[in-house]
PDB file of N, CA and C in Angstrom:
ATOM      1  N   MET A   1     -70.809 -84.726 -10.144  1.00  0.00           N
ATOM      2  CA  MET A   1     -71.395 -83.811  -9.191  1.00  0.00           C
ATOM      3  C   MET A   1     -71.479 -82.426  -9.826  1.00  0.00           C
ATOM      4  N   ASN A   2     -72.558 -81.744  -9.536  1.00  0.00           N
ATOM      5  CA  ASN A   2     -72.754 -80.387 -10.037  1.00  0.00           C
ATOM      6  C   ASN A   2     -73.158 -79.463  -8.906  1.00  0.00           C
ATOM      7  N   TRP A   3     -72.607 -78.280  -8.913  1.00  0.00           N
ATOM      8  CA  TRP A   3     -72.981 -77.254  -7.940  1.00  0.00           C
ATOM      9  C   TRP A   3     -74.383 -76.791  -8.276  1.00  0.00           C
ATOM     10  N   THR A   4     -75.252 -76.761  -7.285  1.00  0.00           N
ATOM     11  CA  THR A   4     -76.632 -76.331  -7.522  1.00  0.00           C
ATOM     12  C   THR A   4     -77.003 -75.100  -6.705  1.00  0.00           C
ATOM     13  N   GLY A   5     -76.036 -74.529  -6.014  1.00  0.00           N
ATOM     14  CA  GLY A   5     -76.281 -73.300  -5.269  1.00  0.00           C
ATOM     15  C   GLY A   5     -76.065 -72.085  -6.166  1.00  0.00           C
ATOM     16  N   SER A   6     -76.098 -70.935  -5.565  1.00  0.00           N
ATOM     17  CA  SER A   6     -75.920 -69.692  -6.311  1.00  0.00           C
ATOM     18  C   SER A   6     -74.439 -69.384  -6.530  1.00  0.00           C
ATOM     19  N   ILE A   7     -74.175 -68.458  -7.417  1.00  0.00           N
ATOM     20  CA  ILE A   7     -72.801 -68.019  -7.657  1.00  0.00           C
ATOM     21  C   ILE A   7     -72.235 -67.390  -6.386  1.00  0.00           C
ATOM     22  N   ALA A   8     -73.013 -66.584  -5.713  1.00  0.00           N
ATOM     23  CA  ALA A   8     -72.545 -65.934  -4.482  1.00  0.00           C
ATOM     24  C   ALA A   8     -72.176 -66.968  -3.428  1.00  0.00           C
ATOM     25  N   GLU A   9     -72.970 -68.021  -3.292  1.00  0.00           N
ATOM     26  CA  GLU A   9     -72.661 -69.080  -2.322  1.00  0.00           C
ATOM     27  C   GLU A   9     -71.352 -69.774  -2.692  1.00  0.00           C
ATOM     28  N   TRP A  10     -71.180 -70.043  -3.981  1.00  0.00           N
ATOM     29  CA  TRP A  10     -69.958 -70.679  -4.465  1.00  0.00           C
ATOM     30  C   TRP A  10     -68.734 -69.826  -4.144  1.00  0.00           C
ATOM     31  N   VAL A  11     -68.844 -68.544  -4.427  1.00  0.00           N
ATOM     32  CA  VAL A  11     -67.733 -67.625  -4.183  1.00  0.00           C
ATOM     33  C   VAL A  11     -67.415 -67.572  -2.696  1.00  0.00           C
ATOM     34  N   GLU A  12     -68.421 -67.498  -1.858  1.00  0.00           N
ATOM     35  CA  GLU A  12     -68.200 -67.514  -0.403  1.00  0.00           C
ATOM     36  C   GLU A  12     -67.454 -68.767   0.030  1.00  0.00           C
ATOM     37  N   LEU A  13     -67.888 -69.910  -0.466  1.00  0.00           N
ATOM     38  CA  LEU A  13     -67.288 -71.183  -0.085  1.00  0.00           C
ATOM     39  C   LEU A  13     -65.827 -71.271  -0.527  1.00  0.00           C
ATOM     40  N   ILE A  14     -65.556 -70.921  -1.755  1.00  0.00           N
ATOM     41  CA  ILE A  14     -64.185 -71.026  -2.266  1.00  0.00           C
ATOM     42  C   ILE A  14     -63.274 -70.030  -1.557  1.00  0.00           C
ATOM     43  N   TYR A  15     -63.742 -68.812  -1.349  1.00  0.00           N
ATOM     44  CA  TYR A  15     -62.928 -67.837  -0.610  1.00  0.00           C
ATOM     45  C   TYR A  15     -62.653 -68.326   0.809  1.00  0.00           C
ATOM     46  N   ALA A  16     -63.640 -68.961   1.436  1.00  0.00           N
ATOM     47  CA  ALA A  16     -63.443 -69.468   2.793  1.00  0.00           C
ATOM     48  C   ALA A  16     -62.381 -70.566   2.807  1.00  0.00           C
ATOM     49  N   LEU A  17     -62.473 -71.505   1.875  1.00  0.00           N
ATOM     50  CA  LEU A  17     -61.478 -72.577   1.798  1.00  0.00           C
ATOM     51  C   LEU A  17     -60.091 -72.014   1.532  1.00  0.00           C
ATOM     52  N   TYR A  18     -60.020 -71.027   0.672  1.00  0.00           N
ATOM     53  CA  TYR A  18     -58.742 -70.396   0.352  1.00  0.00           C
ATOM     54  C   TYR A  18     -58.174 -69.668   1.578  1.00  0.00           C
ATOM     55  N   THR A  19     -59.026 -68.958   2.274  1.00  0.00           N
ATOM     56  CA  THR A  19     -58.597 -68.136   3.405  1.00  0.00           C
ATOM     57  C   THR A  19     -58.080 -68.971   4.566  1.00  0.00           C
ATOM     58  N   VAL A  20     -58.707 -70.117   4.821  1.00  0.00           N
ATOM     59  CA  VAL A  20     -58.255 -70.963   5.927  1.00  0.00           C
ATOM     60  C   VAL A  20     -57.133 -71.919   5.519  1.00  0.00           C
ATOM     61  N   LYS A  21     -56.742 -71.855   4.257  1.00  0.00           N
ATOM     62  CA  LYS A  21     -55.592 -72.616   3.731  1.00  0.00           C
ATOM     63  C   LYS A  21     -55.730 -74.118   3.961  1.00  0.00           C
ATOM     64  N   ARG A  22     -56.922 -74.658   3.642  1.00  0.00           N
ATOM     65  CA  ARG A  22     -57.164 -76.083   3.827  1.00  0.00           C
ATOM     66  C   ARG A  22     -56.974 -76.886   2.545  1.00  0.00           C
ATOM     67  N   ILE A  23     -56.652 -76.239   1.458  1.00  0.00           N
ATOM     68  CA  ILE A  23     -56.381 -76.924   0.204  1.00  0.00           C
ATOM     69  C   ILE A  23     -54.893 -76.761  -0.102  1.00  0.00           C
ATOM     70  N   ASN A  24     -54.183 -77.871  -0.224  1.00  0.00           N
ATOM     71  CA  ASN A  24     -52.729 -77.850  -0.494  1.00  0.00           C
ATOM     72  C   ASN A  24     -51.963 -77.002   0.516  1.00  0.00           C
ATOM     73  N   ASN A  25     -52.405 -77.021   1.762  1.00  0.00           N
ATOM     74  CA  ASN A  25     -51.757 -76.227   2.816  1.00  0.00           C
ATOM     75  C   ASN A  25     -51.650 -74.752   2.454  1.00  0.00           C
ATOM     76  N   GLY A  26     -52.599 -74.268   1.692  1.00  0.00           N
ATOM     77  CA  GLY A  26     -52.607 -72.855   1.309  1.00  0.00           C
ATOM     78  C   GLY A  26     -51.654 -72.513   0.186  1.00  0.00           C
ATOM     79  N   LYS A  27     -51.067 -73.523  -0.425  1.00  0.00           N
ATOM     80  CA  LYS A  27     -50.093 -73.280  -1.486  1.00  0.00           C
ATOM     81  C   LYS A  27     -50.733 -73.404  -2.864  1.00  0.00           C
ATOM     82  N   THR A  28     -51.816 -72.726  -3.050  1.00  0.00           N
ATOM     83  CA  THR A  28     -52.483 -72.650  -4.349  1.00  0.00           C
ATOM     84  C   THR A  28     -53.065 -71.250  -4.483  1.00  0.00           C
ATOM     85  N   SER A  29     -53.133 -70.776  -5.677  1.00  0.00           N
ATOM     86  CA  SER A  29     -53.697 -69.442  -5.885  1.00  0.00           C
ATOM     87  C   SER A  29     -55.219 -69.518  -5.837  1.00  0.00           C
ATOM     88  N   LEU A  30     -55.810 -68.402  -5.592  1.00  0.00           N
ATOM     89  CA  LEU A  30     -57.266 -68.328  -5.566  1.00  0.00           C
ATOM     90  C   LEU A  30     -57.833 -68.701  -6.931  1.00  0.00           C
ATOM     91  N   LYS A  31     -57.208 -68.209  -7.977  1.00  0.00           N
ATOM     92  CA  LYS A  31     -57.663 -68.519  -9.338  1.00  0.00           C
ATOM     93  C   LYS A  31     -57.601 -70.024  -9.599  1.00  0.00           C
ATOM     94  N   GLU A  32     -56.502 -70.647  -9.216  1.00  0.00           N
ATOM     95  CA  GLU A  32     -56.361 -72.094  -9.413  1.00  0.00           C
ATOM     96  C   GLU A  32     -57.394 -72.864  -8.601  1.00  0.00           C
ATOM     97  N   LEU A  33     -57.668 -72.418  -7.408  1.00  0.00           N
ATOM     98  CA  LEU A  33     -58.681 -73.072  -6.589  1.00  0.00           C
ATOM     99  C   LEU A  33     -60.056 -72.979  -7.248  1.00  0.00           C
ATOM    100  N   PHE A  34     -60.401 -71.807  -7.756  1.00  0.00           N
ATOM    101  CA  PHE A  34     -61.676 -71.654  -8.471  1.00  0.00           C
ATOM    102  C   PHE A  34     -61.720 -72.566  -9.693  1.00  0.00           C
ATOM    103  N   LEU A  35     -60.615 -72.647 -10.432  1.00  0.00           N
ATOM    104  CA  LEU A  35     -60.579 -73.488 -11.633  1.00  0.00           C
ATOM    105  C   LEU A  35     -60.721 -74.971 -11.285  1.00  0.00           C
ATOM    106  N   GLN A  36     -59.954 -75.439 -10.324  1.00  0.00           N
ATOM    107  CA  GLN A  36     -59.975 -76.853  -9.956  1.00  0.00           C
ATOM    108  C   GLN A  36     -61.315 -77.265  -9.348  1.00  0.00           C
ATOM    109  N   MET A  37     -61.812 -76.457  -8.419  1.00  0.00           N
ATOM    110  CA  MET A  37     -63.102 -76.781  -7.801  1.00  0.00           C
ATOM    111  C   MET A  37     -64.222 -76.684  -8.836  1.00  0.00           C
ATOM    112  N   GLY A  38     -64.081 -75.735  -9.753  1.00  0.00           N
ATOM    113  CA  GLY A  38     -65.061 -75.605 -10.832  1.00  0.00           C
ATOM    114  C   GLY A  38     -65.101 -76.836 -11.713  1.00  0.00           C
ATOM    115  N   GLU A  39     -63.944 -77.418 -11.985  1.00  0.00           N
ATOM    116  CA  GLU A  39     -63.902 -78.651 -12.778  1.00  0.00           C
ATOM    117  C   GLU A  39     -64.586 -79.796 -12.036  1.00  0.00           C
ATOM    118  N   ILE A  40     -64.338 -79.902 -10.751  1.00  0.00           N
ATOM    119  CA  ILE A  40     -64.940 -80.974  -9.957  1.00  0.00           C
ATOM    120  C   ILE A  40     -66.460 -80.856  -9.919  1.00  0.00           C
ATOM    121  N   PHE A  41     -66.948 -79.630  -9.756  1.00  0.00           N
ATOM    122  CA  PHE A  41     -68.388 -79.423  -9.566  1.00  0.00           C
ATOM    123  C   PHE A  41     -69.098 -78.877 -10.797  1.00  0.00           C
ATOM    124  N   GLY A  42     -68.411 -78.824 -11.927  1.00  0.00           N
ATOM    125  CA  GLY A  42     -69.059 -78.386 -13.162  1.00  0.00           C
ATOM    126  C   GLY A  42     -69.601 -76.973 -13.073  1.00  0.00           C
ATOM    127  N   PHE A  43     -68.806 -76.077 -12.493  1.00  0.00           N
ATOM    128  CA  PHE A  43     -69.288 -74.711 -12.260  1.00  0.00           C
ATOM    129  C   PHE A  43     -68.133 -73.743 -12.495  1.00  0.00           C
ATOM    130  N   GLU A  44     -68.330 -72.795 -13.368  1.00  0.00           N
ATOM    131  CA  GLU A  44     -67.267 -71.852 -13.687  1.00  0.00           C
ATOM    132  C   GLU A  44     -67.689 -70.425 -13.345  1.00  0.00           C
ATOM    133  N   VAL A  45     -66.829 -69.744 -12.619  1.00  0.00           N
ATOM    134  CA  VAL A  45     -67.034 -68.335 -12.298  1.00  0.00           C
ATOM    135  C   VAL A  45     -65.748 -67.609 -12.668  1.00  0.00           C
ATOM    136  N   LYS A  46     -65.820 -66.804 -13.714  1.00  0.00           N
ATOM    137  CA  LYS A  46     -64.619 -66.107 -14.174  1.00  0.00           C
ATOM    138  C   LYS A  46     -64.377 -64.813 -13.398  1.00  0.00           C
ATOM    139  N   GLU A  47     -65.409 -64.121 -13.051  1.00  0.00           N
ATOM    140  CA  GLU A  47     -65.289 -62.819 -12.375  1.00  0.00           C
ATOM    141  C   GLU A  47     -65.530 -62.971 -10.874  1.00  0.00           C
ATOM    142  N   PHE A  48     -64.815 -63.912 -10.256  1.00  0.00           N
ATOM    143  CA  PHE A  48     -65.063 -64.187  -8.840  1.00  0.00           C
ATOM    144  C   PHE A  48     -64.735 -63.004  -7.941  1.00  0.00           C
ATOM    145  N   ALA A  49     -63.767 -62.183  -8.336  1.00  0.00           N
ATOM    146  CA  ALA A  49     -63.414 -61.013  -7.517  1.00  0.00           C
ATOM    147  C   ALA A  49     -64.560 -60.008  -7.463  1.00  0.00           C
ATOM    148  N   VAL A  50     -65.291 -59.878  -8.553  1.00  0.00           N
ATOM    149  CA  VAL A  50     -66.442 -58.966  -8.587  1.00  0.00           C
ATOM    150  C   VAL A  50     -67.523 -59.471  -7.630  1.00  0.00           C
ATOM    151  N   TYR A  51     -67.776 -60.768  -7.668  1.00  0.00           N
ATOM    152  CA  TYR A  51     -68.767 -61.335  -6.752  1.00  0.00           C
ATOM    153  C   TYR A  51     -68.329 -61.162  -5.305  1.00  0.00           C
ATOM    154  N   PHE A  52     -67.039 -61.363  -5.052  1.00  0.00           N
ATOM    155  CA  PHE A  52     -66.534 -61.190  -3.692  1.00  0.00           C
ATOM    156  C   PHE A  52     -66.740 -59.757  -3.208  1.00  0.00           C
ATOM    157  N   MET A  53     -66.492 -58.796  -4.081  1.00  0.00           N
ATOM    158  CA  MET A  53     -66.708 -57.387  -3.705  1.00  0.00           C
ATOM    159  C   MET A  53     -68.177 -57.143  -3.364  1.00  0.00           C
ATOM    160  N   ASN A  54     -69.073 -57.734  -4.137  1.00  0.00           N
ATOM    161  CA  ASN A  54     -70.505 -57.589  -3.847  1.00  0.00           C
ATOM    162  C   ASN A  54     -70.860 -58.221  -2.506  1.00  0.00           C
ATOM    163  N   ILE A  55     -70.294 -59.378  -2.229  1.00  0.00           N
ATOM    164  CA  ILE A  55     -70.526 -60.038  -0.940  1.00  0.00           C
ATOM    165  C   ILE A  55     -69.983 -59.168   0.185  1.00  0.00           C
ATOM    166  N   LYS A  56     -68.790 -58.651  -0.031  1.00  0.00           N
ATOM    167  CA  LYS A  56     -68.133 -57.814   0.976  1.00  0.00           C
ATOM    168  C   LYS A  56     -68.942 -56.556   1.299  1.00  0.00           C
ATOM    169  N   HIS A  57     -69.671 -56.060   0.325  1.00  0.00           N
ATOM    170  CA  HIS A  57     -70.433 -54.824   0.513  1.00  0.00           C
ATOM    171  C   HIS A  57     -71.903 -55.051   0.884  1.00  0.00           C
ATOM    172  N   ARG A  58     -72.239 -56.263   1.291  1.00  0.00           N
ATOM    173  CA  ARG A  58     -73.616 -56.503   1.739  1.00  0.00           C
ATOM    174  C   ARG A  58     -73.896 -55.601   2.931  1.00  0.00           C
ATOM    175  N   THR A  59     -75.076 -55.040   2.939  1.00  0.00           N
ATOM    176  CA  THR A  59     -75.406 -54.067   3.985  1.00  0.00           C
ATOM    177  C   THR A  59     -76.438 -54.578   4.987  1.00  0.00           C
ATOM    178  N   ASP A  60     -76.852 -55.823   4.849  1.00  0.00           N
ATOM    179  CA  ASP A  60     -77.887 -56.339   5.748  1.00  0.00           C
ATOM    180  C   ASP A  60     -77.326 -56.957   7.025  1.00  0.00           C
ATOM    181  N   GLY A  61     -76.024 -56.813   7.233  1.00  0.00           N
ATOM    182  CA  GLY A  61     -75.414 -57.344   8.444  1.00  0.00           C
ATOM    183  C   GLY A  61     -75.009 -58.807   8.338  1.00  0.00           C
ATOM    184  N   HIS A  62     -75.250 -59.413   7.188  1.00  0.00           N
ATOM    185  CA  HIS A  62     -74.916 -60.822   6.986  1.00  0.00           C
ATOM    186  C   HIS A  62     -74.010 -60.962   5.770  1.00  0.00           C
ATOM    187  N   ARG A  63     -72.743 -60.692   5.980  1.00  0.00           N
ATOM    188  CA  ARG A  63     -71.805 -60.736   4.865  1.00  0.00           C
ATOM    189  C   ARG A  63     -71.509 -62.164   4.426  1.00  0.00           C
ATOM    190  N   THR A  64     -71.637 -63.112   5.323  1.00  0.00           N
ATOM    191  CA  THR A  64     -71.325 -64.510   5.006  1.00  0.00           C
ATOM    192  C   THR A  64     -72.585 -65.368   5.123  1.00  0.00           C
ATOM    193  N   LYS A  65     -73.590 -65.050   4.356  1.00  0.00           N
ATOM    194  CA  LYS A  65     -74.877 -65.738   4.449  1.00  0.00           C
ATOM    195  C   LYS A  65     -74.746 -67.250   4.282  1.00  0.00           C
ATOM    196  N   PHE A  66     -73.996 -67.682   3.279  1.00  0.00           N
ATOM    197  CA  PHE A  66     -73.892 -69.111   3.015  1.00  0.00           C
ATOM    198  C   PHE A  66     -73.092 -69.828   4.100  1.00  0.00           C
ATOM    199  N   ILE A  67     -71.995 -69.242   4.508  1.00  0.00           N
ATOM    200  CA  ILE A  67     -71.195 -69.845   5.575  1.00  0.00           C
ATOM    201  C   ILE A  67     -72.003 -69.914   6.867  1.00  0.00           C
ATOM    202  N   ASP A  68     -72.771 -68.878   7.127  1.00  0.00           N
ATOM    203  CA  ASP A  68     -73.656 -68.891   8.299  1.00  0.00           C
ATOM    204  C   ASP A  68     -74.686 -70.011   8.183  1.00  0.00           C
ATOM    205  N   LEU A  69     -75.238 -70.180   6.983  1.00  0.00           N
ATOM    206  CA  LEU A  69     -76.214 -71.249   6.750  1.00  0.00           C
ATOM    207  C   LEU A  69     -75.577 -72.618   6.968  1.00  0.00           C
ATOM    208  N   LEU A  70     -74.362 -72.811   6.463  1.00  0.00           N
ATOM    209  CA  LEU A  70     -73.663 -74.077   6.667  1.00  0.00           C
ATOM    210  C   LEU A  70     -73.499 -74.369   8.153  1.00  0.00           C
ATOM    211  N   ARG A  71     -73.010 -73.388   8.883  1.00  0.00           N
ATOM    212  CA  ARG A  71     -72.784 -73.555  10.322  1.00  0.00           C
ATOM    213  C   ARG A  71     -74.090 -73.875  11.047  1.00  0.00           C
ATOM    214  N   ASP A  72     -75.108 -73.075  10.789  1.00  0.00           N
ATOM    215  CA  ASP A  72     -76.390 -73.261  11.474  1.00  0.00           C
ATOM    216  C   ASP A  72     -77.008 -74.623  11.156  1.00  0.00           C
ATOM    217  N   THR A  73     -76.889 -75.054   9.910  1.00  0.00           N
ATOM    218  CA  THR A  73     -77.478 -76.321   9.495  1.00  0.00           C
ATOM    219  C   THR A  73     -76.762 -77.507  10.134  1.00  0.00           C
ATOM    220  N   VAL A  74     -75.441 -77.445  10.198  1.00  0.00           N
ATOM    221  CA  VAL A  74     -74.689 -78.533  10.834  1.00  0.00           C
ATOM    222  C   VAL A  74     -74.986 -78.578  12.335  1.00  0.00           C
ATOM    223  N   LEU A  75     -75.039 -77.419  12.971  1.00  0.00           N
ATOM    224  CA  LEU A  75     -75.365 -77.383  14.404  1.00  0.00           C
ATOM    225  C   LEU A  75     -76.761 -77.937  14.667  1.00  0.00           C
ATOM    226  N   GLU A  76     -77.707 -77.586  13.812  1.00  0.00           N
ATOM    227  CA  GLU A  76     -79.070 -78.101  13.965  1.00  0.00           C
ATOM    228  C   GLU A  76     -79.099 -79.624  13.808  1.00  0.00           C
ATOM    229  N   ARG A  77     -78.336 -80.118  12.850  1.00  0.00           N
ATOM    230  CA  ARG A  77     -78.273 -81.579  12.663  1.00  0.00           C
ATOM    231  C   ARG A  77     -77.709 -82.262  13.901  1.00  0.00           C
ATOM    232  N   MET A  78     -76.678 -81.689  14.483  1.00  0.00           N
ATOM    233  CA  MET A  78     -76.085 -82.249  15.700  1.00  0.00           C
ATOM    234  C   MET A  78     -77.070 -82.227  16.851  1.00  0.00           C
ATOM    235  N   GLU A  79     -77.784 -81.117  16.991  1.00  0.00           N
ATOM    236  CA  GLU A  79     -78.766 -80.999  18.067  1.00  0.00           C
ATOM    237  C   GLU A  79     -79.893 -82.010  17.887  1.00  0.00           C
ATOM    238  N   ASN A  80     -80.342 -82.186  16.649  1.00  0.00           N
ATOM    239  CA  ASN A  80     -81.379 -83.190  16.380  1.00  0.00           C
ATOM    240  C   ASN A  80     -80.878 -84.591  16.707  1.00  0.00           C
ATOM    241  N   ALA A  81     -79.648 -84.881  16.349  1.00  0.00           N
ATOM    242  CA  ALA A  81     -79.054 -86.200  16.659  1.00  0.00           C
ATOM    243  C   ALA A  81     -78.949 -86.381  18.169  1.00  0.00           C
ATOM    244  N   ASP A  82     -78.580 -85.325  18.889  1.00  0.00           N
ATOM    245  CA  ASP A  82     -78.491 -85.396  20.347  1.00  0.00           C
ATOM    246  C   ASP A  82     -79.875 -85.699  20.947  1.00  0.00           C
ATOM    247  N   ARG A  83     -80.895 -85.025  20.436  1.00  0.00           N
ATOM    248  CA  ARG A  83     -82.248 -85.238  20.949  1.00  0.00           C
ATOM    249  C   ARG A  83     -82.702 -86.678  20.696  1.00  0.00           C
ATOM    250  N   LYS A  84     -82.411 -87.201  19.506  1.00  0.00           N
ATOM    251  CA  LYS A  84     -82.800 -88.574  19.176  1.00  0.00           C
ATOM    252  C   LYS A  84     -82.073 -89.571  20.068  1.00  0.00           C
ATOM    253  N   SER A  85     -80.801 -89.363  20.312  1.00  0.00           N
ATOM    254  CA  SER A  85     -80.038 -90.308  21.127  1.00  0.00           C
ATOM    255  C   SER A  85     -80.428 -90.231  22.597  1.00  0.00           C
ATOM    256  N   SER A  86     -80.896 -89.072  23.051  1.00  0.00           N
ATOM    257  CA  SER A  86     -81.274 -88.947  24.461  1.00  0.00           C
ATOM    258  C   SER A  86     -82.658 -89.551  24.715  1.00  0.00           C
ATOM    259  N   ARG A  87     -83.453 -89.785  23.677  1.00  0.00           N
ATOM    260  CA  ARG A  87     -84.766 -90.412  23.833  1.00  0.00           C
ATOM    261  C   ARG A  87     -84.668 -91.927  24.020  1.00  0.00           C
ATOM    262  N   LYS A  88     -83.542 -92.484  23.657  1.00  0.00           N
ATOM    263  CA  LYS A  88     -83.394 -93.950  23.728  1.00  0.00           C
ATOM    264  C   LYS A  88     -83.159 -94.439  25.118  1.00  0.00           C
TER     265      LYS A  88
END
């Protein structure tokens, strides 16, 4: 498997997983999480803190663009599934 999204999307995703402590019950460092996930998805980001700062300083009102996209896309899929099941 290879990551095909942007570096900013990757950084958002890894920071989110780290922040909610869903990997090893939060008992892993951010650096280790980036390294391990990078090995799994063939994607390396060495300066992840710099990218995070850039994400944090977004001025368009959408600091978590990728996370928002994930949420919206999953909700849309659920709504589409609901519509299909209600037609039967």
